[in-house]
Amino acid sequence: MRYISELHEGDSLSDIYLCKFRQQLTTRNGKAYLNVILMDKTGTLDAKIWEPNSSAISDFDVLDYIYVFGEVTSYQGALQASVKRVKKAQDGEYIPADYLPTSPYDIEEMYQKLKAVIDTVKNPHLHLLLTKMLIEDKEVVEKFKSFSAAKTVHHSFVGGLLQHTLAVVRLCKFYTKAYPALNHDLLIAAAILHDVGKTREFTPFPQNDYTDAGQLLGHIVMGSEMIGKAAHEIPDFPEKLLRELQHCILAHHGEYEFGSPKKPALMEAVALNFADNTDAKMEIMTELFAPLTVEKKDAWLGYNRLFETNVRKTGEW
């Protein structure tokens, strides 16, 4: 198959893609059309079906695998598909793994690394909490291993949550060595659990969309609630320690404008915020540069709203 990342303006489309989203809309002239988002493991493509009632458009729904025939166009600087014909694909005509973006790292190996990090937390209460939530709770474990770390911005692939968490942990490990005033066990526990609420904020792939609770509460609040519930099931878990851990979770986005319920008031919360932000930003850059061709590797990519500047990859010297 030809992956979405390989498409260019003017190309013809004649392949199977996963329908991630479908919505019937109306033009200004009152004409009905379908807005569709096509997906494979390399990304998504906005598509328009201007003649939805045509006999060439077979019936299909969200999460169906569909043969798509049409052409690749461009609209406001982004690629878009103009679809002329659609046919629902049958089992055996596609390989599901081709349609789910996945971490470049082995998921089971990453999980074993996470368990090894948990063993470095010597505080008995924090160690028991981590074991209870991310080893013994099989439902949370499976979601933690397979869910993304975001819907679109960074690590939005199978295993993304686990990959991001390990990267944040590595940075926090470095911080504890560079700044001995940091409480190692508190910071590492907070790093491991900072995004645990995303196991309730998002739906599984291929949807990878917000749940109702995710929309109404968000992963930060839900993560704090999950930690509080698990801690209260552990006899004699210190309330002061729980408050400090929950504060790190509630403050890890750093600023109110970034959805943080609290601003960091503990040194460990400050370190966690920096580690989380660093990995998110570096992954965004990594994903921006990954699909660049040799011809475009030194090209400016245009204004990026997240960095608020025009960006490009470092040139060769």
C-alpha atoms as a PDB file:
ATOM      1  CA  MET A   1       0.000   0.000   0.000  1.00  0.00           C
ATOM      2  CA  ARG A   2       0.986   3.619  -0.383  1.00  0.00           C
ATOM      3  CA  TYR A   3       1.126   5.322   2.987  1.00  0.00           C
ATOM      4  CA  ILE A   4      -0.297   8.761   3.651  1.00  0.00           C
ATOM      5  CA  SER A   5       3.166  10.140   4.469  1.00  0.00           C
ATOM      6  CA  GLU A   6       4.234   9.273   0.890  1.00  0.00           C
ATOM      7  CA  LEU A   7       1.437  11.207  -0.829  1.00  0.00           C
ATOM      8  CA  HIS A   8       1.962  14.462  -2.725  1.00  0.00           C
ATOM      9  CA  GLU A   9      -0.309  16.996  -4.352  1.00  0.00           C
ATOM     10  CA  GLY A  10      -1.479  15.708  -7.732  1.00  0.00           C
ATOM     11  CA  ASP A  11      -1.129  12.027  -6.836  1.00  0.00           C
ATOM     12  CA  SER A  12      -3.923   9.582  -7.609  1.00  0.00           C
ATOM     13  CA  LEU A  13      -5.503   7.663  -4.742  1.00  0.00           C
ATOM     14  CA  SER A  14      -6.406   4.003  -5.117  1.00  0.00           C
ATOM     15  CA  ASP A  15      -5.758   2.185  -1.880  1.00  0.00           C
ATOM     16  CA  ILE A  16      -7.301   1.033   1.398  1.00  0.00           C
ATOM     17  CA  TYR A  17      -7.399   3.391   4.374  1.00  0.00           C
ATOM     18  CA  LEU A  18      -9.085   3.372   7.755  1.00  0.00           C
ATOM     19  CA  CYS A  19     -11.985   5.786   8.137  1.00  0.00           C
ATOM     20  CA  LYS A  20     -11.213   7.540  11.413  1.00  0.00           C
ATOM     21  CA  PHE A  21     -13.951  10.183  11.160  1.00  0.00           C
ATOM     22  CA  ARG A  22     -17.009  10.825   9.015  1.00  0.00           C
ATOM     23  CA  GLN A  23     -19.406  13.767   9.111  1.00  0.00           C
ATOM     24  CA  GLN A  24     -22.059  14.997   6.718  1.00  0.00           C
ATOM     25  CA  LEU A  25     -21.913  18.729   6.178  1.00  0.00           C
ATOM     26  CA  THR A  26     -23.470  21.307   3.881  1.00  0.00           C
ATOM     27  CA  THR A  27     -21.802  23.846   1.622  1.00  0.00           C
ATOM     28  CA  ARG A  28     -22.830  27.494   1.609  1.00  0.00           C
ATOM     29  CA  ASN A  29     -25.008  26.679  -1.361  1.00  0.00           C
ATOM     30  CA  GLY A  30     -26.851  24.040   0.599  1.00  0.00           C
ATOM     31  CA  LYS A  31     -25.234  21.044  -1.097  1.00  0.00           C
ATOM     32  CA  ALA A  32     -24.475  18.031   1.097  1.00  0.00           C
ATOM     33  CA  TYR A  33     -20.979  16.549   1.217  1.00  0.00           C
ATOM     34  CA  LEU A  34     -18.989  14.219   3.473  1.00  0.00           C
ATOM     35  CA  ASN A  35     -15.988  15.291   5.512  1.00  0.00           C
ATOM     36  CA  VAL A  36     -13.826  12.229   6.167  1.00  0.00           C
ATOM     37  CA  ILE A  37     -10.507  11.656   7.898  1.00  0.00           C
ATOM     38  CA  LEU A  38      -8.485   8.791   6.447  1.00  0.00           C
ATOM     39  CA  MET A  39      -5.822   7.127   8.547  1.00  0.00           C
ATOM     40  CA  ASP A  40      -2.901   4.737   8.342  1.00  0.00           C
ATOM     41  CA  LYS A  41       0.080   4.175  10.617  1.00  0.00           C
ATOM     42  CA  THR A  42       1.942   7.163   9.164  1.00  0.00           C
ATOM     43  CA  GLY A  43      -0.742   9.766   9.799  1.00  0.00           C
ATOM     44  CA  THR A  44      -4.109  11.129   8.741  1.00  0.00           C
ATOM     45  CA  LEU A  45      -5.493  12.799   5.637  1.00  0.00           C
ATOM     46  CA  ASP A  46      -8.503  15.077   5.406  1.00  0.00           C
ATOM     47  CA  ALA A  47     -10.815  13.964   2.596  1.00  0.00           C
ATOM     48  CA  LYS A  48     -13.925  15.370   0.955  1.00  0.00           C
ATOM     49  CA  ILE A  49     -16.628  13.420  -0.850  1.00  0.00           C
ATOM     50  CA  TRP A  50     -18.509  16.032  -2.854  1.00  0.00           C
ATOM     51  CA  GLU A  51     -21.046  13.606  -4.338  1.00  0.00           C
ATOM     52  CA  PRO A  52     -22.030  11.446  -1.338  1.00  0.00           C
ATOM     53  CA  ASN A  53     -25.203  10.156  -3.006  1.00  0.00           C
ATOM     54  CA  SER A  54     -23.393   8.894  -6.086  1.00  0.00           C
ATOM     55  CA  SER A  55     -23.642   5.181  -6.877  1.00  0.00           C
ATOM     56  CA  ALA A  56     -19.834   5.174  -6.783  1.00  0.00           C
ATOM     57  CA  ILE A  57     -19.907   5.844  -3.042  1.00  0.00           C
ATOM     58  CA  SER A  58     -20.699   2.607  -1.213  1.00  0.00           C
ATOM     59  CA  ASP A  59     -22.035   2.741   2.334  1.00  0.00           C
ATOM     60  CA  PHE A  60     -19.338   2.895   5.020  1.00  0.00           C
ATOM     61  CA  ASP A  61     -18.959   4.033   8.606  1.00  0.00           C
ATOM     62  CA  VAL A  62     -16.338   5.202  11.079  1.00  0.00           C
ATOM     63  CA  LEU A  63     -13.632   2.562  11.730  1.00  0.00           C
ATOM     64  CA  ASP A  64     -14.371   0.780   8.471  1.00  0.00           C
ATOM     65  CA  TYR A  65     -11.480  -0.059   6.149  1.00  0.00           C
ATOM     66  CA  ILE A  66     -12.340   1.405   2.772  1.00  0.00           C
ATOM     67  CA  TYR A  67     -10.959   1.414  -0.765  1.00  0.00           C
ATOM     68  CA  VAL A  68     -10.564   5.066  -1.700  1.00  0.00           C
ATOM     69  CA  PHE A  69     -10.309   6.309  -5.277  1.00  0.00           C
ATOM     70  CA  GLY A  70      -9.643   9.951  -6.077  1.00  0.00           C
ATOM     71  CA  GLU A  71      -6.832  12.488  -6.133  1.00  0.00           C
ATOM     72  CA  VAL A  72      -4.653  14.392  -3.702  1.00  0.00           C
ATOM     73  CA  THR A  73      -5.140  18.136  -3.705  1.00  0.00           C
ATOM     74  CA  SER A  74      -4.022  20.987  -1.464  1.00  0.00           C
ATOM     75  CA  TYR A  75      -6.123  23.366   0.608  1.00  0.00           C
ATOM     76  CA  GLN A  76      -4.664  26.209   2.650  1.00  0.00           C
ATOM     77  CA  GLY A  77      -1.232  24.606   2.530  1.00  0.00           C
ATOM     78  CA  ALA A  78      -2.350  21.151   3.698  1.00  0.00           C
ATOM     79  CA  LEU A  79      -2.892  18.014   1.651  1.00  0.00           C
ATOM     80  CA  GLN A  80      -6.478  16.937   1.112  1.00  0.00           C
ATOM     81  CA  ALA A  81      -8.140  14.129  -0.813  1.00  0.00           C
ATOM     82  CA  SER A  82     -10.973  14.625  -3.281  1.00  0.00           C
ATOM     83  CA  VAL A  83     -12.705  11.240  -3.278  1.00  0.00           C
ATOM     84  CA  LYS A  84     -14.651  10.032  -6.321  1.00  0.00           C
ATOM     85  CA  ARG A  85     -15.319   6.414  -5.383  1.00  0.00           C
ATOM     86  CA  VAL A  86     -15.470   4.398  -2.164  1.00  0.00           C
ATOM     87  CA  LYS A  87     -15.823   0.663  -1.622  1.00  0.00           C
ATOM     88  CA  LYS A  88     -15.794  -1.088   1.741  1.00  0.00           C
ATOM     89  CA  ALA A  89     -12.857  -3.472   2.111  1.00  0.00           C
ATOM     90  CA  GLN A  90     -13.360  -7.056   3.237  1.00  0.00           C
ATOM     91  CA  ASP A  91     -11.509  -9.028   5.898  1.00  0.00           C
ATOM     92  CA  GLY A  92      -8.258 -10.366   4.527  1.00  0.00           C
ATOM     93  CA  GLU A  93      -7.804  -7.498   2.079  1.00  0.00           C
ATOM     94  CA  TYR A  94      -5.838  -5.402   4.560  1.00  0.00           C
ATOM     95  CA  ILE A  95      -3.398  -5.805   7.459  1.00  0.00           C
ATOM     96  CA  PRO A  96      -4.702  -3.911  10.542  1.00  0.00           C
ATOM     97  CA  ALA A  97      -1.158  -3.170  11.768  1.00  0.00           C
ATOM     98  CA  ASP A  98      -0.643  -0.981   8.682  1.00  0.00           C
ATOM     99  CA  TYR A  99      -3.244   1.443  10.013  1.00  0.00           C
ATOM    100  CA  LEU A 100      -2.174   1.985  13.613  1.00  0.00           C
ATOM    101  CA  PRO A 101       0.743   4.348  14.299  1.00  0.00           C
ATOM    102  CA  THR A 102       3.067   2.568  16.725  1.00  0.00           C
ATOM    103  CA  SER A 103       6.064   3.510  18.855  1.00  0.00           C
ATOM    104  CA  PRO A 104       9.400   2.720  17.185  1.00  0.00           C
ATOM    105  CA  TYR A 105      10.402   0.988  20.428  1.00  0.00           C
ATOM    106  CA  ASP A 106       9.311  -2.460  21.572  1.00  0.00           C
ATOM    107  CA  ILE A 107       6.378  -1.967  23.938  1.00  0.00           C
ATOM    108  CA  GLU A 108       7.083  -4.963  26.157  1.00  0.00           C
ATOM    109  CA  GLU A 109      10.733  -3.945  26.532  1.00  0.00           C
ATOM    110  CA  MET A 110       9.657  -0.442  27.533  1.00  0.00           C
ATOM    111  CA  TYR A 111       7.272  -1.861  30.121  1.00  0.00           C
ATOM    112  CA  GLN A 112      10.035  -3.996  31.623  1.00  0.00           C
ATOM    113  CA  LYS A 113      12.175  -0.857  31.875  1.00  0.00           C
ATOM    114  CA  LEU A 114       9.317   0.878  33.670  1.00  0.00           C
ATOM    115  CA  LYS A 115       9.076  -1.985  36.164  1.00  0.00           C
ATOM    116  CA  ALA A 116      12.832  -1.729  36.740  1.00  0.00           C
ATOM    117  CA  VAL A 117      12.449   1.971  37.520  1.00  0.00           C
ATOM    118  CA  ILE A 118       9.683   1.186  40.005  1.00  0.00           C
ATOM    119  CA  ASP A 119      12.182  -1.042  41.830  1.00  0.00           C
ATOM    120  CA  THR A 120      14.467   1.980  42.334  1.00  0.00           C
ATOM    121  CA  VAL A 121      11.782   3.705  44.433  1.00  0.00           C
ATOM    122  CA  LYS A 122      12.691   2.677  47.991  1.00  0.00           C
ATOM    123  CA  ASN A 123      10.011   4.527  49.936  1.00  0.00           C
ATOM    124  CA  PRO A 124       7.718   1.621  50.905  1.00  0.00           C
ATOM    125  CA  HIS A 125       4.488   3.573  50.478  1.00  0.00           C
ATOM    126  CA  LEU A 126       5.380   4.949  47.052  1.00  0.00           C
ATOM    127  CA  HIS A 127       6.750   1.590  45.914  1.00  0.00           C
ATOM    128  CA  LEU A 128       3.558  -0.156  46.963  1.00  0.00           C
ATOM    129  CA  LEU A 129       1.446   2.519  45.253  1.00  0.00           C
ATOM    130  CA  LEU A 130       3.347   2.153  41.978  1.00  0.00           C
ATOM    131  CA  THR A 131       3.150  -1.630  42.175  1.00  0.00           C
ATOM    132  CA  LYS A 132      -0.562  -1.514  42.887  1.00  0.00           C
ATOM    133  CA  MET A 133      -1.347   0.858  40.009  1.00  0.00           C
ATOM    134  CA  LEU A 134       1.066  -0.164  37.247  1.00  0.00           C
ATOM    135  CA  ILE A 135       1.823  -3.823  37.920  1.00  0.00           C
ATOM    136  CA  GLU A 136      -1.142  -5.363  39.730  1.00  0.00           C
ATOM    137  CA  ASP A 137      -3.962  -3.446  38.022  1.00  0.00           C
ATOM    138  CA  LYS A 138      -3.992  -5.347  34.733  1.00  0.00           C
ATOM    139  CA  GLU A 139      -6.611  -3.106  33.107  1.00  0.00           C
ATOM    140  CA  VAL A 140      -4.560   0.040  33.742  1.00  0.00           C
ATOM    141  CA  VAL A 141      -1.363  -1.758  32.706  1.00  0.00           C
ATOM    142  CA  GLU A 142      -2.761  -2.777  29.324  1.00  0.00           C
ATOM    143  CA  LYS A 143      -4.001   0.737  28.642  1.00  0.00           C
ATOM    144  CA  PHE A 144      -0.748   2.283  29.858  1.00  0.00           C
ATOM    145  CA  LYS A 145       1.176   0.091  27.417  1.00  0.00           C
ATOM    146  CA  SER A 146      -1.030   0.716  24.388  1.00  0.00           C
ATOM    147  CA  PHE A 147      -2.494   4.218  24.736  1.00  0.00           C
ATOM    148  CA  SER A 148      -1.090   7.414  23.233  1.00  0.00           C
ATOM    149  CA  ALA A 149       0.225  10.357  25.215  1.00  0.00           C
ATOM    150  CA  ALA A 150      -1.910  12.839  23.258  1.00  0.00           C
ATOM    151  CA  LYS A 151      -4.609  12.932  20.633  1.00  0.00           C
ATOM    152  CA  THR A 152      -2.517  14.709  17.996  1.00  0.00           C
ATOM    153  CA  VAL A 153       0.288  16.900  19.338  1.00  0.00           C
ATOM    154  CA  HIS A 154       3.000  14.444  20.436  1.00  0.00           C
ATOM    155  CA  HIS A 155       3.378  10.692  21.008  1.00  0.00           C
ATOM    156  CA  SER A 156      -0.030  10.117  19.379  1.00  0.00           C
ATOM    157  CA  PHE A 157       0.653   6.475  18.587  1.00  0.00           C
ATOM    158  CA  VAL A 158       0.293   3.035  20.159  1.00  0.00           C
ATOM    159  CA  GLY A 159       2.783   2.900  23.026  1.00  0.00           C
ATOM    160  CA  GLY A 160       3.134   6.683  23.070  1.00  0.00           C
ATOM    161  CA  LEU A 161       2.096   7.048  26.712  1.00  0.00           C
ATOM    162  CA  LEU A 162       4.677   4.499  27.849  1.00  0.00           C
ATOM    163  CA  GLN A 163       7.421   5.971  25.636  1.00  0.00           C
ATOM    164  CA  HIS A 164       6.738   9.499  26.890  1.00  0.00           C
ATOM    165  CA  THR A 165       6.624   8.371  30.511  1.00  0.00           C
ATOM    166  CA  LEU A 166      10.007   6.643  30.263  1.00  0.00           C
ATOM    167  CA  ALA A 167      11.550   9.726  28.652  1.00  0.00           C
ATOM    168  CA  VAL A 168      10.217  11.949  31.445  1.00  0.00           C
ATOM    169  CA  VAL A 169      11.551   9.478  34.019  1.00  0.00           C
ATOM    170  CA  ARG A 170      15.017   9.545  32.417  1.00  0.00           C
ATOM    171  CA  LEU A 171      15.116  13.332  32.585  1.00  0.00           C
ATOM    172  CA  CYS A 172      13.966  13.288  36.199  1.00  0.00           C
ATOM    173  CA  LYS A 173      16.652  10.718  37.033  1.00  0.00           C
ATOM    174  CA  PHE A 174      19.219  13.146  35.651  1.00  0.00           C
ATOM    175  CA  TYR A 175      17.729  15.994  37.679  1.00  0.00           C
ATOM    176  CA  THR A 176      18.045  14.036  40.932  1.00  0.00           C
ATOM    177  CA  LYS A 177      21.760  13.545  40.273  1.00  0.00           C
ATOM    178  CA  ALA A 178      22.350  17.142  39.216  1.00  0.00           C
ATOM    179  CA  TYR A 179      20.264  18.631  42.044  1.00  0.00           C
ATOM    180  CA  PRO A 180      20.628  16.560  45.250  1.00  0.00           C
ATOM    181  CA  ALA A 181      17.989  18.650  47.029  1.00  0.00           C
ATOM    182  CA  LEU A 182      15.341  16.827  45.006  1.00  0.00           C
ATOM    183  CA  ASN A 183      13.549  13.945  46.706  1.00  0.00           C
ATOM    184  CA  HIS A 184      14.354  11.059  44.366  1.00  0.00           C
ATOM    185  CA  ASP A 185      11.465   8.784  45.305  1.00  0.00           C
ATOM    186  CA  LEU A 186       8.817  11.509  45.181  1.00  0.00           C
ATOM    187  CA  LEU A 187      10.006  12.863  41.829  1.00  0.00           C
ATOM    188  CA  ILE A 188      10.382   9.458  40.163  1.00  0.00           C
ATOM    189  CA  ALA A 189       6.983   8.298  41.427  1.00  0.00           C
ATOM    190  CA  ALA A 190       5.424  11.518  40.133  1.00  0.00           C
ATOM    191  CA  ALA A 191       7.192  11.106  36.774  1.00  0.00           C
ATOM    192  CA  ILE A 192       5.875   7.555  36.415  1.00  0.00           C
ATOM    193  CA  LEU A 193       2.317   8.546  37.331  1.00  0.00           C
ATOM    194  CA  HIS A 194       2.085  12.056  35.893  1.00  0.00           C
ATOM    195  CA  ASP A 195      -0.009  10.970  32.887  1.00  0.00           C
ATOM    196  CA  VAL A 196      -1.721   7.901  34.327  1.00  0.00           C
ATOM    197  CA  GLY A 197      -5.046   9.740  33.951  1.00  0.00           C
ATOM    198  CA  LYS A 198      -4.692   9.411  30.188  1.00  0.00           C
ATOM    199  CA  THR A 199      -5.746   5.781  30.543  1.00  0.00           C
ATOM    200  CA  ARG A 200      -9.192   7.277  31.247  1.00  0.00           C
ATOM    201  CA  GLU A 201      -8.956  10.450  29.176  1.00  0.00           C
ATOM    202  CA  PHE A 202      -8.633   8.663  25.814  1.00  0.00           C
ATOM    203  CA  THR A 203     -10.319   5.809  24.002  1.00  0.00           C
ATOM    204  CA  PRO A 204      -8.255   2.929  22.576  1.00  0.00           C
ATOM    205  CA  PHE A 205      -6.872   2.982  19.061  1.00  0.00           C
ATOM    206  CA  PRO A 206      -7.908   3.361  16.336  1.00  0.00           C
ATOM    207  CA  GLN A 207     -10.296   5.990  17.759  1.00  0.00           C
ATOM    208  CA  ASN A 208      -7.739   7.623  20.102  1.00  0.00           C
ATOM    209  CA  ASP A 209     -10.315  10.255  20.994  1.00  0.00           C
ATOM    210  CA  TYR A 210     -11.482  11.887  24.215  1.00  0.00           C
ATOM    211  CA  THR A 211     -13.870  10.058  26.509  1.00  0.00           C
ATOM    212  CA  ASP A 212     -16.711  11.986  28.156  1.00  0.00           C
ATOM    213  CA  ALA A 213     -14.701  12.043  31.384  1.00  0.00           C
ATOM    214  CA  GLY A 214     -11.665  13.197  29.436  1.00  0.00           C
ATOM    215  CA  GLN A 215     -13.620  16.120  28.032  1.00  0.00           C
ATOM    216  CA  LEU A 216     -15.219  17.057  31.356  1.00  0.00           C
ATOM    217  CA  LEU A 217     -12.336  16.471  33.785  1.00  0.00           C
ATOM    218  CA  GLY A 218      -9.082  15.885  31.890  1.00  0.00           C
ATOM    219  CA  HIS A 219      -6.185  13.561  32.652  1.00  0.00           C
ATOM    220  CA  ILE A 220      -4.607  15.748  35.318  1.00  0.00           C
ATOM    221  CA  VAL A 221      -7.625  15.736  37.617  1.00  0.00           C
ATOM    222  CA  MET A 222      -8.444  12.100  36.888  1.00  0.00           C
ATOM    223  CA  GLY A 223      -4.847  11.058  37.486  1.00  0.00           C
ATOM    224  CA  SER A 224      -4.839  12.762  40.878  1.00  0.00           C
ATOM    225  CA  GLU A 225      -8.121  11.026  41.725  1.00  0.00           C
ATOM    226  CA  MET A 226      -6.763   7.615  40.689  1.00  0.00           C
ATOM    227  CA  ILE A 227      -3.668   8.113  42.831  1.00  0.00           C
ATOM    228  CA  GLY A 228      -5.745   9.253  45.806  1.00  0.00           C
ATOM    229  CA  LYS A 229      -8.049   6.244  45.563  1.00  0.00           C
ATOM    230  CA  ALA A 230      -5.162   3.774  45.318  1.00  0.00           C
ATOM    231  CA  ALA A 231      -3.267   5.431  48.180  1.00  0.00           C
ATOM    232  CA  HIS A 232      -6.280   5.299  50.486  1.00  0.00           C
ATOM    233  CA  GLU A 233      -6.425   1.524  49.934  1.00  0.00           C
ATOM    234  CA  ILE A 234      -2.885   1.216  51.316  1.00  0.00           C
ATOM    235  CA  PRO A 235      -2.805   1.065  55.138  1.00  0.00           C
ATOM    236  CA  ASP A 236      -1.128   4.030  56.833  1.00  0.00           C
ATOM    237  CA  PHE A 237      -0.215   5.828  53.604  1.00  0.00           C
ATOM    238  CA  PRO A 238       1.061   9.221  54.870  1.00  0.00           C
ATOM    239  CA  GLU A 239      -1.363  12.036  54.036  1.00  0.00           C
ATOM    240  CA  LYS A 240       1.493  14.525  53.689  1.00  0.00           C
ATOM    241  CA  LEU A 241       3.220  12.307  51.129  1.00  0.00           C
ATOM    242  CA  LEU A 242      -0.025  11.839  49.222  1.00  0.00           C
ATOM    243  CA  ARG A 243      -0.639  15.595  49.096  1.00  0.00           C
ATOM    244  CA  GLU A 244       2.869  16.223  47.783  1.00  0.00           C
ATOM    245  CA  LEU A 245       2.545  13.527  45.139  1.00  0.00           C
ATOM    246  CA  GLN A 246      -0.866  14.776  44.037  1.00  0.00           C
ATOM    247  CA  HIS A 247       0.480  18.331  43.895  1.00  0.00           C
ATOM    248  CA  CYS A 248       3.197  17.208  41.474  1.00  0.00           C
ATOM    249  CA  ILE A 249       0.515  15.653  39.273  1.00  0.00           C
ATOM    250  CA  LEU A 250      -1.805  18.672  39.470  1.00  0.00           C
ATOM    251  CA  ALA A 251       1.034  21.104  38.679  1.00  0.00           C
ATOM    252  CA  HIS A 252       2.918  19.222  35.977  1.00  0.00           C
ATOM    253  CA  HIS A 253       1.648  21.427  33.131  1.00  0.00           C
ATOM    254  CA  GLY A 254       3.192  24.384  34.915  1.00  0.00           C
ATOM    255  CA  GLU A 255       0.839  27.204  33.974  1.00  0.00           C
ATOM    256  CA  TYR A 256      -2.900  27.767  34.273  1.00  0.00           C
ATOM    257  CA  GLU A 257      -3.057  28.630  30.577  1.00  0.00           C
ATOM    258  CA  PHE A 258      -1.760  25.131  29.771  1.00  0.00           C
ATOM    259  CA  GLY A 259      -4.487  23.437  31.770  1.00  0.00           C
ATOM    260  CA  SER A 260      -2.587  23.109  35.028  1.00  0.00           C
ATOM    261  CA  PRO A 261      -4.949  23.276  38.064  1.00  0.00           C
ATOM    262  CA  LYS A 262      -2.000  24.381  40.214  1.00  0.00           C
ATOM    263  CA  LYS A 263       1.346  26.067  39.607  1.00  0.00           C
ATOM    264  CA  PRO A 264       4.411  24.180  40.902  1.00  0.00           C
ATOM    265  CA  ALA A 265       5.069  24.908  44.583  1.00  0.00           C
ATOM    266  CA  LEU A 266       7.502  22.050  45.275  1.00  0.00           C
ATOM    267  CA  MET A 267      10.958  21.590  43.793  1.00  0.00           C
ATOM    268  CA  GLU A 268       9.908  18.166  42.535  1.00  0.00           C
ATOM    269  CA  ALA A 269       6.859  19.671  40.819  1.00  0.00           C
ATOM    270  CA  VAL A 270       9.088  22.207  39.052  1.00  0.00           C
ATOM    271  CA  ALA A 271      11.432  19.455  37.862  1.00  0.00           C
ATOM    272  CA  LEU A 272       8.523  17.313  36.646  1.00  0.00           C
ATOM    273  CA  ASN A 273       7.046  20.235  34.717  1.00  0.00           C
ATOM    274  CA  PHE A 274      10.374  20.882  32.961  1.00  0.00           C
ATOM    275  CA  ALA A 275      10.884  17.202  32.147  1.00  0.00           C
ATOM    276  CA  ASP A 276       7.352  16.791  30.779  1.00  0.00           C
ATOM    277  CA  ASN A 277       7.604  19.944  28.669  1.00  0.00           C
ATOM    278  CA  THR A 278      11.065  19.049  27.381  1.00  0.00           C
ATOM    279  CA  ASP A 279      10.095  15.607  26.140  1.00  0.00           C
ATOM    280  CA  ALA A 280       6.851  16.835  24.605  1.00  0.00           C
ATOM    281  CA  LYS A 281       8.631  19.617  22.679  1.00  0.00           C
ATOM    282  CA  MET A 282      11.507  17.408  21.545  1.00  0.00           C
ATOM    283  CA  GLU A 283       9.070  14.743  20.334  1.00  0.00           C
ATOM    284  CA  ILE A 284       7.078  17.366  18.421  1.00  0.00           C
ATOM    285  CA  MET A 285      10.275  18.414  16.649  1.00  0.00           C
ATOM    286  CA  THR A 286      11.217  14.792  16.016  1.00  0.00           C
ATOM    287  CA  GLU A 287       7.856  14.076  14.408  1.00  0.00           C
ATOM    288  CA  LEU A 288       8.011  17.286  12.356  1.00  0.00           C
ATOM    289  CA  PHE A 289      11.387  16.378  10.867  1.00  0.00           C
ATOM    290  CA  ALA A 290      10.911  12.617  10.452  1.00  0.00           C
ATOM    291  CA  PRO A 291       9.055  12.718   7.102  1.00  0.00           C
ATOM    292  CA  LEU A 292      11.379  15.263   5.454  1.00  0.00           C
ATOM    293  CA  THR A 293      12.882  14.155   2.157  1.00  0.00           C
ATOM    294  CA  VAL A 294      16.513  14.734   1.237  1.00  0.00           C
ATOM    295  CA  GLU A 295      15.465  17.641  -0.969  1.00  0.00           C
ATOM    296  CA  LYS A 296      13.566  19.331   1.862  1.00  0.00           C
ATOM    297  CA  LYS A 297      15.822  18.571   4.817  1.00  0.00           C
ATOM    298  CA  ASP A 298      17.203  22.139   4.875  1.00  0.00           C
ATOM    299  CA  ALA A 299      13.888  23.805   4.035  1.00  0.00           C
ATOM    300  CA  TRP A 300      11.990  26.020   6.423  1.00  0.00           C
ATOM    301  CA  LEU A 301       8.753  24.308   7.436  1.00  0.00           C
ATOM    302  CA  GLY A 302       6.763  27.460   8.018  1.00  0.00           C
ATOM    303  CA  TYR A 303       5.229  28.957  11.141  1.00  0.00           C
ATOM    304  CA  ASN A 304       4.505  26.468  13.903  1.00  0.00           C
ATOM    305  CA  ARG A 305       1.902  27.617  16.404  1.00  0.00           C
ATOM    306  CA  LEU A 306       3.303  25.496  19.242  1.00  0.00           C
ATOM    307  CA  PHE A 307       6.755  27.068  18.974  1.00  0.00           C
ATOM    308  CA  GLU A 308       5.433  30.410  17.720  1.00  0.00           C
ATOM    309  CA  THR A 309       8.154  30.640  15.088  1.00  0.00           C
ATOM    310  CA  ASN A 310       9.225  29.364  11.685  1.00  0.00           C
ATOM    311  CA  VAL A 311      11.191  26.125  12.136  1.00  0.00           C
ATOM    312  CA  ARG A 312      13.614  23.967  10.175  1.00  0.00           C
ATOM    313  CA  LYS A 313      15.992  21.096  10.758  1.00  0.00           C
ATOM    314  CA  THR A 314      19.648  21.787  11.473  1.00  0.00           C
ATOM    315  CA  GLY A 315      21.602  21.863   8.207  1.00  0.00           C
ATOM    316  CA  GLU A 316      24.641  19.804   7.308  1.00  0.00           C
ATOM    317  CA  TRP A 317      27.998  21.557   7.604  1.00  0.00           C
END
